[in-house]
Amino acid sequence: MTEANYQETLRTIQTEQDLVKSELRSIEEQQEAIFYLNQEEQRLYSEIIATSPPEERTFFQDRELDSLEQGRKAQHILAEQEAALMKTKKQLLEAEEETYQKHRNALREKEKEKE
């Protein structure tokens, strides 16, 4: 492995790692936002249901359940994306370690050739 090839490979891996970190951060922020929005929505639905006439309560209770289900689906999708990114992150770390190892082996071979 040439030095230029080694540096380019490392740069590529590290750029991809940075992108994965950024995406993971974004997913975490989205998960937090959904969590807080769900809490606020639950609070509002509880307030509306408590102050609604009995004939309208069922309507709002159904909407509340629909909203909860949509929130769960969104959280599930984000969790799947997070899991995929964590897998990619692990693969990139392994690729980085493999690149370091190949470079060390190439340097050892050069040293042996000099002897």
PDB file of N, CA and C in Angstrom:
ATOM      1  N   MET A   1       0.857  -1.172   0.000  1.00  0.00           N
ATOM      2  CA  MET A   1       0.000   0.000   0.000  1.00  0.00           C
ATOM      3  C   MET A   1       0.902   1.234   0.000  1.00  0.00           C
ATOM      4  N   THR A   2       0.736   2.051  -1.022  1.00  0.00           N
ATOM      5  CA  THR A   2       1.557   3.256  -1.108  1.00  0.00           C
ATOM      6  C   THR A   2       1.073   4.278  -0.083  1.00  0.00           C
ATOM      7  N   GLU A   3       1.960   5.201   0.240  1.00  0.00           N
ATOM      8  CA  GLU A   3       1.622   6.229   1.229  1.00  0.00           C
ATOM      9  C   GLU A   3       0.443   7.077   0.747  1.00  0.00           C
ATOM     10  N   ALA A   4       0.463   7.441  -0.540  1.00  0.00           N
ATOM     11  CA  ALA A   4      -0.629   8.256  -1.087  1.00  0.00           C
ATOM     12  C   ALA A   4      -1.953   7.489  -1.045  1.00  0.00           C
ATOM     13  N   ASN A   5      -1.897   6.225  -1.410  1.00  0.00           N
ATOM     14  CA  ASN A   5      -3.094   5.379  -1.387  1.00  0.00           C
ATOM     15  C   ASN A   5      -3.610   5.242   0.045  1.00  0.00           C
ATOM     16  N   TYR A   6      -2.684   5.038   0.966  1.00  0.00           N
ATOM     17  CA  TYR A   6      -3.024   4.913   2.384  1.00  0.00           C
ATOM     18  C   TYR A   6      -3.722   6.182   2.882  1.00  0.00           C
ATOM     19  N   GLN A   7      -3.129   7.332   2.591  1.00  0.00           N
ATOM     20  CA  GLN A   7      -3.690   8.610   3.043  1.00  0.00           C
ATOM     21  C   GLN A   7      -5.074   8.848   2.433  1.00  0.00           C
ATOM     22  N   GLU A   8      -5.216   8.547   1.153  1.00  0.00           N
ATOM     23  CA  GLU A   8      -6.496   8.742   0.471  1.00  0.00           C
ATOM     24  C   GLU A   8      -7.570   7.815   1.047  1.00  0.00           C
ATOM     25  N   THR A   9      -7.209   6.572   1.285  1.00  0.00           N
ATOM     26  CA  THR A   9      -8.156   5.615   1.861  1.00  0.00           C
ATOM     27  C   THR A   9      -8.587   6.067   3.251  1.00  0.00           C
ATOM     28  N   LEU A  10      -7.628   6.479   4.051  1.00  0.00           N
ATOM     29  CA  LEU A  10      -7.953   6.962   5.402  1.00  0.00           C
ATOM     30  C   LEU A  10      -8.851   8.194   5.352  1.00  0.00           C
ATOM     31  N   ARG A  11      -8.531   9.120   4.462  1.00  0.00           N
ATOM     32  CA  ARG A  11      -9.326  10.336   4.325  1.00  0.00           C
ATOM     33  C   ARG A  11     -10.775   9.989   3.950  1.00  0.00           C
ATOM     34  N   THR A  12     -10.924   9.061   3.022  1.00  0.00           N
ATOM     35  CA  THR A  12     -12.263   8.641   2.597  1.00  0.00           C
ATOM     36  C   THR A  12     -13.033   8.018   3.757  1.00  0.00           C
ATOM     37  N   ILE A  13     -12.390   7.126   4.475  1.00  0.00           N
ATOM     38  CA  ILE A  13     -13.040   6.470   5.617  1.00  0.00           C
ATOM     39  C   ILE A  13     -13.424   7.499   6.673  1.00  0.00           C
ATOM     40  N   GLN A  14     -12.518   8.412   6.977  1.00  0.00           N
ATOM     41  CA  GLN A  14     -12.793   9.404   8.012  1.00  0.00           C
ATOM     42  C   GLN A  14     -13.897  10.377   7.589  1.00  0.00           C
ATOM     43  N   THR A  15     -13.959  10.695   6.303  1.00  0.00           N
ATOM     44  CA  THR A  15     -15.043  11.543   5.807  1.00  0.00           C
ATOM     45  C   THR A  15     -16.381  10.835   5.978  1.00  0.00           C
ATOM     46  N   GLU A  16     -16.409   9.559   5.638  1.00  0.00           N
ATOM     47  CA  GLU A  16     -17.634   8.775   5.811  1.00  0.00           C
ATOM     48  C   GLU A  16     -18.004   8.663   7.289  1.00  0.00           C
ATOM     49  N   GLN A  17     -17.012   8.505   8.151  1.00  0.00           N
ATOM     50  CA  GLN A  17     -17.281   8.446   9.592  1.00  0.00           C
ATOM     51  C   GLN A  17     -17.892   9.757  10.079  1.00  0.00           C
ATOM     52  N   ASP A  18     -17.373  10.870   9.586  1.00  0.00           N
ATOM     53  CA  ASP A  18     -17.924  12.171   9.969  1.00  0.00           C
ATOM     54  C   ASP A  18     -19.377  12.310   9.520  1.00  0.00           C
ATOM     55  N   LEU A  19     -19.673  11.828   8.310  1.00  0.00           N
ATOM     56  CA  LEU A  19     -21.048  11.877   7.817  1.00  0.00           C
ATOM     57  C   LEU A  19     -21.974  11.025   8.679  1.00  0.00           C
ATOM     58  N   VAL A  20     -21.511   9.846   9.061  1.00  0.00           N
ATOM     59  CA  VAL A  20     -22.316   8.961   9.907  1.00  0.00           C
ATOM     60  C   VAL A  20     -22.564   9.618  11.262  1.00  0.00           C
ATOM     61  N   LYS A  21     -21.523  10.219  11.845  1.00  0.00           N
ATOM     62  CA  LYS A  21     -21.693  10.905  13.133  1.00  0.00           C
ATOM     63  C   LYS A  21     -22.729  12.019  13.020  1.00  0.00           C
ATOM     64  N   SER A  22     -22.655  12.770  11.930  1.00  0.00           N
ATOM     65  CA  SER A  22     -23.593  13.864  11.708  1.00  0.00           C
ATOM     66  C   SER A  22     -25.019  13.337  11.564  1.00  0.00           C
ATOM     67  N   GLU A  23     -25.185  12.269  10.809  1.00  0.00           N
ATOM     68  CA  GLU A  23     -26.507  11.675  10.634  1.00  0.00           C
ATOM     69  C   GLU A  23     -27.040  11.117  11.954  1.00  0.00           C
ATOM     70  N   LEU A  24     -26.174  10.498  12.741  1.00  0.00           N
ATOM     71  CA  LEU A  24     -26.593   9.979  14.051  1.00  0.00           C
ATOM     72  C   LEU A  24     -27.052  11.116  14.961  1.00  0.00           C
ATOM     73  N   ARG A  25     -26.318  12.218  14.922  1.00  0.00           N
ATOM     74  CA  ARG A  25     -26.689  13.391  15.723  1.00  0.00           C
ATOM     75  C   ARG A  25     -28.059  13.915  15.275  1.00  0.00           C
ATOM     76  N   SER A  26     -28.263  13.954  13.968  1.00  0.00           N
ATOM     77  CA  SER A  26     -29.532  14.424  13.419  1.00  0.00           C
ATOM     78  C   SER A  26     -30.689  13.522  13.848  1.00  0.00           C
ATOM     79  N   ILE A  27     -30.468  12.224  13.802  1.00  0.00           N
ATOM     80  CA  ILE A  27     -31.511  11.279  14.224  1.00  0.00           C
ATOM     81  C   ILE A  27     -31.825  11.467  15.702  1.00  0.00           C
ATOM     82  N   GLU A  28     -30.798  11.649  16.504  1.00  0.00           N
ATOM     83  CA  GLU A  28     -31.008  11.863  17.939  1.00  0.00           C
ATOM     84  C   GLU A  28     -31.842  13.122  18.176  1.00  0.00           C
ATOM     85  N   GLU A  29     -31.536  14.182  17.441  1.00  0.00           N
ATOM     86  CA  GLU A  29     -32.295  15.427  17.578  1.00  0.00           C
ATOM     87  C   GLU A  29     -33.746  15.225  17.150  1.00  0.00           C
ATOM     88  N   GLN A  30     -33.949  14.470  16.069  1.00  0.00           N
ATOM     89  CA  GLN A  30     -35.308  14.193  15.602  1.00  0.00           C
ATOM     90  C   GLN A  30     -36.080  13.362  16.624  1.00  0.00           C
ATOM     91  N   GLN A  31     -35.406  12.383  17.218  1.00  0.00           N
ATOM     92  CA  GLN A  31     -36.064  11.558  18.238  1.00  0.00           C
ATOM     93  C   GLN A  31     -36.489  12.408  19.432  1.00  0.00           C
ATOM     94  N   GLU A  32     -35.616  13.306  19.853  1.00  0.00           N
ATOM     95  CA  GLU A  32     -35.955  14.193  20.972  1.00  0.00           C
ATOM     96  C   GLU A  32     -37.122  15.100  20.611  1.00  0.00           C
ATOM     97  N   ALA A  33     -37.092  15.642  19.394  1.00  0.00           N
ATOM     98  CA  ALA A  33     -38.169  16.532  18.959  1.00  0.00           C
ATOM     99  C   ALA A  33     -39.502  15.794  18.927  1.00  0.00           C
ATOM    100  N   ILE A  34     -39.500  14.590  18.389  1.00  0.00           N
ATOM    101  CA  ILE A  34     -40.735  13.798  18.341  1.00  0.00           C
ATOM    102  C   ILE A  34     -41.225  13.502  19.752  1.00  0.00           C
ATOM    103  N   PHE A  35     -40.310  13.149  20.632  1.00  0.00           N
ATOM    104  CA  PHE A  35     -40.687  12.848  22.015  1.00  0.00           C
ATOM    105  C   PHE A  35     -41.382  14.049  22.661  1.00  0.00           C
ATOM    106  N   TYR A  36     -40.770  15.233  22.534  1.00  0.00           N
ATOM    107  CA  TYR A  36     -41.348  16.415  23.162  1.00  0.00           C
ATOM    108  C   TYR A  36     -42.651  16.835  22.489  1.00  0.00           C
ATOM    109  N   LEU A  37     -42.728  16.688  21.168  1.00  0.00           N
ATOM    110  CA  LEU A  37     -43.973  17.001  20.474  1.00  0.00           C
ATOM    111  C   LEU A  37     -45.088  16.052  20.909  1.00  0.00           C
ATOM    112  N   ASN A  38     -44.755  14.784  21.044  1.00  0.00           N
ATOM    113  CA  ASN A  38     -45.752  13.811  21.509  1.00  0.00           C
ATOM    114  C   ASN A  38     -46.246  14.155  22.905  1.00  0.00           C
ATOM    115  N   GLN A  39     -45.326  14.539  23.774  1.00  0.00           N
ATOM    116  CA  GLN A  39     -45.733  14.918  25.134  1.00  0.00           C
ATOM    117  C   GLN A  39     -46.671  16.124  25.116  1.00  0.00           C
ATOM    118  N   GLU A  40     -46.302  17.127  24.323  1.00  0.00           N
ATOM    119  CA  GLU A  40     -47.128  18.335  24.243  1.00  0.00           C
ATOM    120  C   GLU A  40     -48.489  18.013  23.633  1.00  0.00           C
ATOM    121  N   GLU A  41     -48.487  17.183  22.613  1.00  0.00           N
ATOM    122  CA  GLU A  41     -49.736  16.791  21.976  1.00  0.00           C
ATOM    123  C   GLU A  41     -50.628  16.018  22.956  1.00  0.00           C
ATOM    124  N   GLN A  42     -50.023  15.130  23.734  1.00  0.00           N
ATOM    125  CA  GLN A  42     -50.776  14.378  24.740  1.00  0.00           C
ATOM    126  C   GLN A  42     -51.397  15.319  25.772  1.00  0.00           C
ATOM    127  N   ARG A  43     -50.626  16.291  26.182  1.00  0.00           N
ATOM    128  CA  ARG A  43     -51.131  17.266  27.152  1.00  0.00           C
ATOM    129  C   ARG A  43     -52.329  18.019  26.572  1.00  0.00           C
ATOM    130  N   LEU A  44     -52.196  18.445  25.312  1.00  0.00           N
ATOM    131  CA  LEU A  44     -53.282  19.188  24.676  1.00  0.00           C
ATOM    132  C   LEU A  44     -54.525  18.323  24.479  1.00  0.00           C
ATOM    133  N   TYR A  45     -54.318  17.086  24.033  1.00  0.00           N
ATOM    134  CA  TYR A  45     -55.470  16.188  23.869  1.00  0.00           C
ATOM    135  C   TYR A  45     -56.155  15.936  25.206  1.00  0.00           C
ATOM    136  N   SER A  46     -55.389  15.739  26.254  1.00  0.00           N
ATOM    137  CA  SER A  46     -55.979  15.524  27.582  1.00  0.00           C
ATOM    138  C   SER A  46     -56.820  16.721  27.997  1.00  0.00           C
ATOM    139  N   GLU A  47     -56.293  17.894  27.720  1.00  0.00           N
ATOM    140  CA  GLU A  47     -57.014  19.120  28.058  1.00  0.00           C
ATOM    141  C   GLU A  47     -58.298  19.243  27.229  1.00  0.00           C
ATOM    142  N   ILE A  48     -58.193  18.967  25.941  1.00  0.00           N
ATOM    143  CA  ILE A  48     -59.366  19.057  25.057  1.00  0.00           C
ATOM    144  C   ILE A  48     -60.422  18.029  25.457  1.00  0.00           C
ATOM    145  N   ILE A  49     -59.971  16.805  25.706  1.00  0.00           N
ATOM    146  CA  ILE A  49     -60.910  15.742  26.086  1.00  0.00           C
ATOM    147  C   ILE A  49     -61.603  16.082  27.403  1.00  0.00           C
ATOM    148  N   ALA A  50     -60.853  16.632  28.327  1.00  0.00           N
ATOM    149  CA  ALA A  50     -61.420  16.975  29.638  1.00  0.00           C
ATOM    150  C   ALA A  50     -62.451  18.094  29.540  1.00  0.00           C
ATOM    151  N   THR A  51     -62.296  18.980  28.570  1.00  0.00           N
ATOM    152  CA  THR A  51     -63.203  20.133  28.466  1.00  0.00           C
ATOM    153  C   THR A  51     -64.246  19.982  27.363  1.00  0.00           C
ATOM    154  N   SER A  52     -64.220  18.881  26.636  1.00  0.00           N
ATOM    155  CA  SER A  52     -65.170  18.664  25.534  1.00  0.00           C
ATOM    156  C   SER A  52     -66.487  18.106  26.047  1.00  0.00           C
ATOM    157  N   PRO A  53     -67.542  18.391  25.310  1.00  0.00           N
ATOM    158  CA  PRO A  53     -68.820  17.747  25.635  1.00  0.00           C
ATOM    159  C   PRO A  53     -68.693  16.236  25.418  1.00  0.00           C
ATOM    160  N   PRO A  54     -69.420  15.438  26.146  1.00  0.00           N
ATOM    161  CA  PRO A  54     -69.299  13.978  26.057  1.00  0.00           C
ATOM    162  C   PRO A  54     -69.425  13.431  24.633  1.00  0.00           C
ATOM    163  N   GLU A  55     -70.289  14.023  23.816  1.00  0.00           N
ATOM    164  CA  GLU A  55     -70.476  13.507  22.458  1.00  0.00           C
ATOM    165  C   GLU A  55     -69.257  13.757  21.557  1.00  0.00           C
ATOM    166  N   GLU A  56     -68.387  14.676  21.914  1.00  0.00           N
ATOM    167  CA  GLU A  56     -67.187  14.964  21.114  1.00  0.00           C
ATOM    168  C   GLU A  56     -65.941  14.261  21.649  1.00  0.00           C
ATOM    169  N   ARG A  57     -65.999  13.755  22.846  1.00  0.00           N
ATOM    170  CA  ARG A  57     -64.819  13.140  23.467  1.00  0.00           C
ATOM    171  C   ARG A  57     -64.288  11.953  22.676  1.00  0.00           C
ATOM    172  N   THR A  58     -65.185  11.120  22.190  1.00  0.00           N
ATOM    173  CA  THR A  58     -64.758   9.937  21.435  1.00  0.00           C
ATOM    174  C   THR A  58     -63.944  10.351  20.213  1.00  0.00           C
ATOM    175  N   PHE A  59     -64.405  11.394  19.532  1.00  0.00           N
ATOM    176  CA  PHE A  59     -63.679  11.887  18.360  1.00  0.00           C
ATOM    177  C   PHE A  59     -62.247  12.263  18.744  1.00  0.00           C
ATOM    178  N   PHE A  60     -62.091  13.037  19.793  1.00  0.00           N
ATOM    179  CA  PHE A  60     -60.759  13.480  20.203  1.00  0.00           C
ATOM    180  C   PHE A  60     -59.920  12.336  20.766  1.00  0.00           C
ATOM    181  N   GLN A  61     -60.560  11.394  21.423  1.00  0.00           N
ATOM    182  CA  GLN A  61     -59.830  10.224  21.916  1.00  0.00           C
ATOM    183  C   GLN A  61     -59.291   9.392  20.750  1.00  0.00           C
ATOM    184  N   ASP A  62     -60.095   9.254  19.702  1.00  0.00           N
ATOM    185  CA  ASP A  62     -59.626   8.535  18.507  1.00  0.00           C
ATOM    186  C   ASP A  62     -58.450   9.261  17.862  1.00  0.00           C
ATOM    187  N   ARG A  63     -58.554  10.578  17.779  1.00  0.00           N
ATOM    188  CA  ARG A  63     -57.457  11.369  17.195  1.00  0.00           C
ATOM    189  C   ARG A  63     -56.194  11.234  18.044  1.00  0.00           C
ATOM    190  N   GLU A  64     -56.380  11.189  19.339  1.00  0.00           N
ATOM    191  CA  GLU A  64     -55.241  11.033  20.251  1.00  0.00           C
ATOM    192  C   GLU A  64     -54.545   9.691  20.002  1.00  0.00           C
ATOM    193  N   LEU A  65     -55.328   8.624  19.858  1.00  0.00           N
ATOM    194  CA  LEU A  65     -54.752   7.302  19.589  1.00  0.00           C
ATOM    195  C   LEU A  65     -54.038   7.270  18.242  1.00  0.00           C
ATOM    196  N   ASP A  66     -54.636   7.903  17.230  1.00  0.00           N
ATOM    197  CA  ASP A  66     -53.989   7.978  15.914  1.00  0.00           C
ATOM    198  C   ASP A  66     -52.654   8.710  16.014  1.00  0.00           C
ATOM    199  N   SER A  67     -52.666   9.785  16.758  1.00  0.00           N
ATOM    200  CA  SER A  67     -51.452  10.576  16.938  1.00  0.00           C
ATOM    201  C   SER A  67     -50.364   9.768  17.641  1.00  0.00           C
ATOM    202  N   LEU A  68     -50.762   9.034  18.674  1.00  0.00           N
ATOM    203  CA  LEU A  68     -49.796   8.193  19.389  1.00  0.00           C
ATOM    204  C   LEU A  68     -49.184   7.149  18.457  1.00  0.00           C
ATOM    205  N   GLU A  69     -50.027   6.542  17.633  1.00  0.00           N
ATOM    206  CA  GLU A  69     -49.549   5.517  16.701  1.00  0.00           C
ATOM    207  C   GLU A  69     -48.577   6.121  15.683  1.00  0.00           C
ATOM    208  N   GLN A  70     -48.885   7.299  15.179  1.00  0.00           N
ATOM    209  CA  GLN A  70     -47.988   7.962  14.233  1.00  0.00           C
ATOM    210  C   GLN A  70     -46.645   8.289  14.893  1.00  0.00           C
ATOM    211  N   GLY A  71     -46.695   8.718  16.129  1.00  0.00           N
ATOM    212  CA  GLY A  71     -45.463   8.999  16.872  1.00  0.00           C
ATOM    213  C   GLY A  71     -44.624   7.748  17.060  1.00  0.00           C
ATOM    214  N   ARG A  72     -45.282   6.644  17.381  1.00  0.00           N
ATOM    215  CA  ARG A  72     -44.561   5.368  17.544  1.00  0.00           C
ATOM    216  C   ARG A  72     -43.920   4.925  16.230  1.00  0.00           C
ATOM    217  N   LYS A  73     -44.665   5.085  15.142  1.00  0.00           N
ATOM    218  CA  LYS A  73     -44.127   4.707  13.829  1.00  0.00           C
ATOM    219  C   LYS A  73     -42.896   5.546  13.493  1.00  0.00           C
ATOM    220  N   ALA A  74     -42.991   6.838  13.743  1.00  0.00           N
ATOM    221  CA  ALA A  74     -41.854   7.725  13.459  1.00  0.00           C
ATOM    222  C   ALA A  74     -40.645   7.332  14.304  1.00  0.00           C
ATOM    223  N   GLN A  75     -40.869   7.053  15.579  1.00  0.00           N
ATOM    224  CA  GLN A  75     -39.773   6.635  16.459  1.00  0.00           C
ATOM    225  C   GLN A  75     -39.171   5.315  15.983  1.00  0.00           C
ATOM    226  N   HIS A  76     -40.017   4.411  15.524  1.00  0.00           N
ATOM    227  CA  HIS A  76     -39.542   3.109  15.031  1.00  0.00           C
ATOM    228  C   HIS A  76     -38.671   3.290  13.784  1.00  0.00           C
ATOM    229  N   ILE A  77     -39.123   4.130  12.871  1.00  0.00           N
ATOM    230  CA  ILE A  77     -38.349   4.390  11.651  1.00  0.00           C
ATOM    231  C   ILE A  77     -36.992   4.989  12.011  1.00  0.00           C
ATOM    232  N   LEU A  78     -36.990   5.948  12.923  1.00  0.00           N
ATOM    233  CA  LEU A  78     -35.731   6.566  13.342  1.00  0.00           C
ATOM    234  C   LEU A  78     -34.820   5.553  14.033  1.00  0.00           C
ATOM    235  N   ALA A  79     -35.399   4.668  14.818  1.00  0.00           N
ATOM    236  CA  ALA A  79     -34.596   3.635  15.494  1.00  0.00           C
ATOM    237  C   ALA A  79     -33.967   2.688  14.471  1.00  0.00           C
ATOM    238  N   GLU A  80     -34.711   2.350  13.425  1.00  0.00           N
ATOM    239  CA  GLU A  80     -34.157   1.497  12.366  1.00  0.00           C
ATOM    240  C   GLU A  80     -33.013   2.204  11.642  1.00  0.00           C
ATOM    241  N   GLN A  81     -33.207   3.486  11.350  1.00  0.00           N
ATOM    242  CA  GLN A  81     -32.152   4.262  10.693  1.00  0.00           C
ATOM    243  C   GLN A  81     -30.920   4.347  11.587  1.00  0.00           C
ATOM    244  N   GLU A  82     -31.145   4.540  12.861  1.00  0.00           N
ATOM    245  CA  GLU A  82     -30.038   4.620  13.814  1.00  0.00           C
ATOM    246  C   GLU A  82     -29.268   3.299  13.856  1.00  0.00           C
ATOM    247  N   ALA A  83     -29.990   2.188  13.872  1.00  0.00           N
ATOM    248  CA  ALA A  83     -29.343   0.871  13.895  1.00  0.00           C
ATOM    249  C   ALA A  83     -28.507   0.655  12.634  1.00  0.00           C
ATOM    250  N   ALA A  84     -29.038   1.051  11.489  1.00  0.00           N
ATOM    251  CA  ALA A  84     -28.292   0.909  10.236  1.00  0.00           C
ATOM    252  C   ALA A  84     -27.031   1.772  10.258  1.00  0.00           C
ATOM    253  N   LEU A  85     -27.146   2.979  10.785  1.00  0.00           N
ATOM    254  CA  LEU A  85     -25.980   3.861  10.870  1.00  0.00           C
ATOM    255  C   LEU A  85     -24.943   3.329  11.855  1.00  0.00           C
ATOM    256  N   MET A  86     -25.398   2.745  12.942  1.00  0.00           N
ATOM    257  CA  MET A  86     -24.454   2.161  13.901  1.00  0.00           C
ATOM    258  C   MET A  86     -23.701   0.994  13.262  1.00  0.00           C
ATOM    259  N   LYS A  87     -24.392   0.223  12.443  1.00  0.00           N
ATOM    260  CA  LYS A  87     -23.745  -0.878  11.732  1.00  0.00           C
ATOM    261  C   LYS A  87     -22.700  -0.323  10.761  1.00  0.00           C
ATOM    262  N   THR A  88     -23.066   0.725  10.040  1.00  0.00           N
ATOM    263  CA  THR A  88     -22.130   1.367   9.115  1.00  0.00           C
ATOM    264  C   THR A  88     -20.936   1.927   9.870  1.00  0.00           C
ATOM    265  N   LYS A  89     -21.196   2.532  11.015  1.00  0.00           N
ATOM    266  CA  LYS A  89     -20.118   3.091  11.840  1.00  0.00           C
ATOM    267  C   LYS A  89     -19.136   1.996  12.237  1.00  0.00           C
ATOM    268  N   LYS A  90     -19.666   0.852  12.647  1.00  0.00           N
ATOM    269  CA  LYS A  90     -18.815  -0.277  13.032  1.00  0.00           C
ATOM    270  C   LYS A  90     -17.990  -0.760  11.841  1.00  0.00           C
ATOM    271  N   GLN A  91     -18.623  -0.859  10.677  1.00  0.00           N
ATOM    272  CA  GLN A  91     -17.916  -1.298   9.477  1.00  0.00           C
ATOM    273  C   GLN A  91     -16.800  -0.324   9.104  1.00  0.00           C
ATOM    274  N   LEU A  92     -17.064   0.965   9.261  1.00  0.00           N
ATOM    275  CA  LEU A  92     -16.045   1.965   8.954  1.00  0.00           C
ATOM    276  C   LEU A  92     -14.875   1.882   9.927  1.00  0.00           C
ATOM    277  N   LEU A  93     -15.172   1.637  11.192  1.00  0.00           N
ATOM    278  CA  LEU A  93     -14.090   1.473  12.169  1.00  0.00           C
ATOM    279  C   LEU A  93     -13.239   0.252  11.829  1.00  0.00           C
ATOM    280  N   GLU A  94     -13.904  -0.819  11.412  1.00  0.00           N
ATOM    281  CA  GLU A  94     -13.173  -2.022  11.011  1.00  0.00           C
ATOM    282  C   GLU A  94     -12.329  -1.757   9.764  1.00  0.00           C
ATOM    283  N   ALA A  95     -12.884  -1.013   8.814  1.00  0.00           N
ATOM    284  CA  ALA A  95     -12.141  -0.675   7.598  1.00  0.00           C
ATOM    285  C   ALA A  95     -10.942   0.207   7.928  1.00  0.00           C
ATOM    286  N   GLU A  96     -11.127   1.120   8.862  1.00  0.00           N
ATOM    287  CA  GLU A  96     -10.030   1.989   9.280  1.00  0.00           C
ATOM    288  C   GLU A  96      -8.916   1.160   9.920  1.00  0.00           C
ATOM    289  N   GLU A  97      -9.289   0.254  10.800  1.00  0.00           N
ATOM    290  CA  GLU A  97      -8.295  -0.601  11.459  1.00  0.00           C
ATOM    291  C   GLU A  97      -7.574  -1.474  10.431  1.00  0.00           C
ATOM    292  N   GLU A  98      -8.327  -2.005   9.479  1.00  0.00           N
ATOM    293  CA  GLU A  98      -7.725  -2.830   8.429  1.00  0.00           C
ATOM    294  C   GLU A  98      -6.739  -2.010   7.590  1.00  0.00           C
ATOM    295  N   THR A  99      -7.089  -0.768   7.315  1.00  0.00           N
ATOM    296  CA  THR A  99      -6.201   0.115   6.555  1.00  0.00           C
ATOM    297  C   THR A  99      -4.925   0.389   7.333  1.00  0.00           C
ATOM    298  N   TYR A 100      -5.065   0.669   8.627  1.00  0.00           N
ATOM    299  CA  TYR A 100      -3.878   0.864   9.466  1.00  0.00           C
ATOM    300  C   TYR A 100      -2.992  -0.382   9.440  1.00  0.00           C
ATOM    301  N   GLN A 101      -3.626  -1.532   9.562  1.00  0.00           N
ATOM    302  CA  GLN A 101      -2.880  -2.796   9.582  1.00  0.00           C
ATOM    303  C   GLN A 101      -2.141  -3.017   8.259  1.00  0.00           C
ATOM    304  N   LYS A 102      -2.817  -2.777   7.152  1.00  0.00           N
ATOM    305  CA  LYS A 102      -2.175  -2.940   5.840  1.00  0.00           C
ATOM    306  C   LYS A 102      -0.990  -1.989   5.706  1.00  0.00           C
ATOM    307  N   HIS A 103      -1.168  -0.776   6.189  1.00  0.00           N
ATOM    308  CA  HIS A 103      -0.090   0.207   6.104  1.00  0.00           C
ATOM    309  C   HIS A 103       1.098  -0.222   6.960  1.00  0.00           C
ATOM    310  N   ARG A 104       0.814  -0.696   8.166  1.00  0.00           N
ATOM    311  CA  ARG A 104       1.905  -1.174   9.032  1.00  0.00           C
ATOM    312  C   ARG A 104       2.637  -2.345   8.378  1.00  0.00           C
ATOM    313  N   ASN A 105       1.880  -3.257   7.793  1.00  0.00           N
ATOM    314  CA  ASN A 105       2.504  -4.399   7.112  1.00  0.00           C
ATOM    315  C   ASN A 105       3.356  -3.943   5.934  1.00  0.00           C
ATOM    316  N   ALA A 106       2.869  -2.964   5.189  1.00  0.00           N
ATOM    317  CA  ALA A 106       3.632  -2.446   4.056  1.00  0.00           C
ATOM    318  C   ALA A 106       4.922  -1.786   4.539  1.00  0.00           C
ATOM    319  N   LEU A 107       4.841  -1.057   5.652  1.00  0.00           N
ATOM    320  CA  LEU A 107       6.043  -0.423   6.203  1.00  0.00           C
ATOM    321  C   LEU A 107       7.043  -1.477   6.680  1.00  0.00           C
ATOM    322  N   ARG A 108       6.546  -2.545   7.285  1.00  0.00           N
ATOM    323  CA  ARG A 108       7.430  -3.632   7.724  1.00  0.00           C
ATOM    324  C   ARG A 108       8.128  -4.279   6.528  1.00  0.00           C
ATOM    325  N   GLU A 109       7.370  -4.474   5.463  1.00  0.00           N
ATOM    326  CA  GLU A 109       7.944  -5.067   4.249  1.00  0.00           C
ATOM    327  C   GLU A 109       9.039  -4.166   3.678  1.00  0.00           C
ATOM    328  N   LYS A 110       8.806  -2.872   3.694  1.00  0.00           N
ATOM    329  CA  LYS A 110       9.822  -1.935   3.206  1.00  0.00           C
ATOM    330  C   LYS A 110      11.083  -2.025   4.050  1.00  0.00           C
ATOM    331  N   GLU A 111      10.899  -2.121   5.365  1.00  0.00           N
ATOM    332  CA  GLU A 111      12.042  -2.235   6.272  1.00  0.00           C
ATOM    333  C   GLU A 111      12.812  -3.522   6.008  1.00  0.00           C
ATOM    334  N   LYS A 112      12.096  -4.605   5.761  1.00  0.00           N
ATOM    335  CA  LYS A 112      12.753  -5.882   5.469  1.00  0.00           C
ATOM    336  C   LYS A 112      13.539  -5.801   4.169  1.00  0.00           C
ATOM    337  N   GLU A 113      12.987  -5.106   3.180  1.00  0.00           N
ATOM    338  CA  GLU A 113      13.669  -4.964   1.896  1.00  0.00           C
ATOM    339  C   GLU A 113      14.960  -4.154   2.043  1.00  0.00           C
ATOM    340  N   LYS A 114      14.963  -3.200   2.950  1.00  0.00           N
ATOM    341  CA  LYS A 114      16.150  -2.373   3.168  1.00  0.00           C
ATOM    342  C   LYS A 114      17.270  -3.170   3.819  1.00  0.00           C
ATOM    343  N   GLU A 115      16.900  -4.169   4.581  1.00  0.00           N
ATOM    344  CA  GLU A 115      17.903  -4.957   5.310  1.00  0.00           C
ATOM    345  C   GLU A 115      18.620  -5.891   4.434  1.00  0.00           C
TER     346      GLU A 115
END
